[in-house]
C-alpha atoms as a PDB file:
ATOM      1  CA  UNK A   1      -2.508  -2.467  14.855  1.00  0.00           C
ATOM      2  CA  UNK A   2       0.003  -0.604  12.778  1.00  0.00           C
ATOM      3  CA  UNK A   3      -0.289   2.612  10.409  1.00  0.00           C
ATOM      4  CA  UNK A   4       1.825   2.539   7.335  1.00  0.00           C
ATOM      5  CA  UNK A   5       2.708   4.822   4.752  1.00  0.00           C
ATOM      6  CA  UNK A   6       2.387   3.601   1.197  1.00  0.00           C
ATOM      7  CA  UNK A   7       4.188   5.722  -1.296  1.00  0.00           C
ATOM      8  CA  UNK A   8       4.235   4.296  -5.081  1.00  0.00           C
ATOM      9  CA  UNK A   9       5.414   5.401  -8.465  1.00  0.00           C
ATOM     10  CA  UNK A  10       3.031   5.903 -11.301  1.00  0.00           C
ATOM     11  CA  UNK A  11       4.622   2.982 -13.144  1.00  0.00           C
ATOM     12  CA  UNK A  12       2.259   0.430 -11.106  1.00  0.00           C
ATOM     13  CA  UNK A  13      -0.865   2.036 -12.050  1.00  0.00           C
ATOM     14  CA  UNK A  14      -3.145   5.343 -11.014  1.00  0.00           C
ATOM     15  CA  UNK A  15      -4.761   5.653  -8.077  1.00  0.00           C
ATOM     16  CA  UNK A  16      -7.951   3.743  -8.819  1.00  0.00           C
ATOM     17  CA  UNK A  17      -5.714   0.556 -10.063  1.00  0.00           C
ATOM     18  CA  UNK A  18      -3.916   1.208  -6.464  1.00  0.00           C
ATOM     19  CA  UNK A  19      -6.980   1.483  -4.574  1.00  0.00           C
ATOM     20  CA  UNK A  20      -8.534  -1.649  -6.171  1.00  0.00           C
ATOM     21  CA  UNK A  21      -5.566  -3.700  -5.198  1.00  0.00           C
ATOM     22  CA  UNK A  22      -5.895  -2.230  -1.612  1.00  0.00           C
ATOM     23  CA  UNK A  23      -9.613  -2.975  -1.197  1.00  0.00           C
ATOM     24  CA  UNK A  24      -8.815  -6.714  -2.295  1.00  0.00           C
ATOM     25  CA  UNK A  25      -6.316  -7.373   0.307  1.00  0.00           C
ATOM     26  CA  UNK A  26      -7.610  -8.674   3.657  1.00  0.00           C
ATOM     27  CA  UNK A  27      -4.608  -7.728   5.462  1.00  0.00           C
ATOM     28  CA  UNK A  28      -5.472  -4.067   5.063  1.00  0.00           C
ATOM     29  CA  UNK A  29      -7.690  -2.922   7.332  1.00  0.00           C
ATOM     30  CA  UNK A  30      -8.432   0.666   6.614  1.00  0.00           C
ATOM     31  CA  UNK A  31      -6.455   3.160   4.251  1.00  0.00           C
ATOM     32  CA  UNK A  32      -7.246   6.911   3.027  1.00  0.00           C
ATOM     33  CA  UNK A  33      -5.236   9.125   0.826  1.00  0.00           C
ATOM     34  CA  UNK A  34      -4.643  12.777   1.213  1.00  0.00           C
ATOM     35  CA  UNK A  35      -1.361  13.057  -1.190  1.00  0.00           C
ATOM     36  CA  UNK A  36      -0.949  11.871  -4.521  1.00  0.00           C
ATOM     37  CA  UNK A  37       0.830   8.744  -4.815  1.00  0.00           C
ATOM     38  CA  UNK A  38       0.306   7.777  -1.454  1.00  0.00           C
ATOM     39  CA  UNK A  39      -1.824   6.095   1.032  1.00  0.00           C
ATOM     40  CA  UNK A  40      -1.905   5.758   4.730  1.00  0.00           C
ATOM     41  CA  UNK A  41      -2.479   1.999   5.615  1.00  0.00           C
ATOM     42  CA  UNK A  42      -3.728   0.358   9.211  1.00  0.00           C
ATOM     43  CA  UNK A  43      -2.872  -3.434   9.453  1.00  0.00           C
ATOM     44  CA  UNK A  44      -2.088  -6.146  11.869  1.00  0.00           C
ATOM     45  CA  UNK A  45       0.700  -7.606   9.366  1.00  0.00           C
ATOM     46  CA  UNK A  46       4.040  -6.210   8.957  1.00  0.00           C
ATOM     47  CA  UNK A  47       5.294  -4.149   6.066  1.00  0.00           C
ATOM     48  CA  UNK A  48       6.944  -7.409   4.378  1.00  0.00           C
ATOM     49  CA  UNK A  49       3.492  -8.854   4.716  1.00  0.00           C
ATOM     50  CA  UNK A  50       1.769  -6.201   3.192  1.00  0.00           C
ATOM     51  CA  UNK A  51       4.642  -5.637   0.443  1.00  0.00           C
ATOM     52  CA  UNK A  52       4.114  -9.603  -0.633  1.00  0.00           C
ATOM     53  CA  UNK A  53       0.538  -9.468  -1.077  1.00  0.00           C
ATOM     54  CA  UNK A  54       0.722  -5.952  -3.115  1.00  0.00           C
ATOM     55  CA  UNK A  55       3.303  -7.754  -5.167  1.00  0.00           C
ATOM     56  CA  UNK A  56       0.923 -10.590  -6.138  1.00  0.00           C
ATOM     57  CA  UNK A  57      -2.036  -8.099  -7.026  1.00  0.00           C
ATOM     58  CA  UNK A  58      -0.112  -5.407  -8.732  1.00  0.00           C
ATOM     59  CA  UNK A  59       0.296  -6.345 -12.713  1.00  0.00           C
ATOM     60  CA  UNK A  60       3.069  -4.169 -13.934  1.00  0.00           C
ATOM     61  CA  UNK A  61       6.391  -5.218 -14.275  1.00  0.00           C
ATOM     62  CA  UNK A  62       8.073  -2.353 -12.545  1.00  0.00           C
ATOM     63  CA  UNK A  63       6.947  -2.384  -9.161  1.00  0.00           C
ATOM     64  CA  UNK A  64       8.342   0.689  -7.235  1.00  0.00           C
ATOM     65  CA  UNK A  65       6.822   1.471  -3.914  1.00  0.00           C
ATOM     66  CA  UNK A  66       7.801   2.091  -0.566  1.00  0.00           C
ATOM     67  CA  UNK A  67       5.659   0.649   2.486  1.00  0.00           C
ATOM     68  CA  UNK A  68       7.159   2.241   5.905  1.00  0.00           C
ATOM     69  CA  UNK A  69       5.665   1.794   9.447  1.00  0.00           C
ATOM     70  CA  UNK A  70       4.571   5.291  11.013  1.00  0.00           C
ATOM     71  CA  UNK A  71       5.864   5.806  14.489  1.00  0.00           C
ATOM     72  CA  UNK A  72       4.768   7.704  17.545  1.00  0.00           C
ATOM     73  CA  UNK A  73       7.896   9.727  17.147  1.00  0.00           C
END
């Protein structure tokens, strides 16, 4: 299992819109948020897999976001 940080621009929607997309993704095991425009995700999938799944679920034309794996360092 890997931990990722997911940072997104307001152009893809508000927190509820993004949260709904994450909840619909079977690739995401758990998520939480503490910072505006940022979620922490756990998954057995790669950042590329998560990106592809999110791109299918977000309806905005301007899909600007970053998914980065968090290491132990």
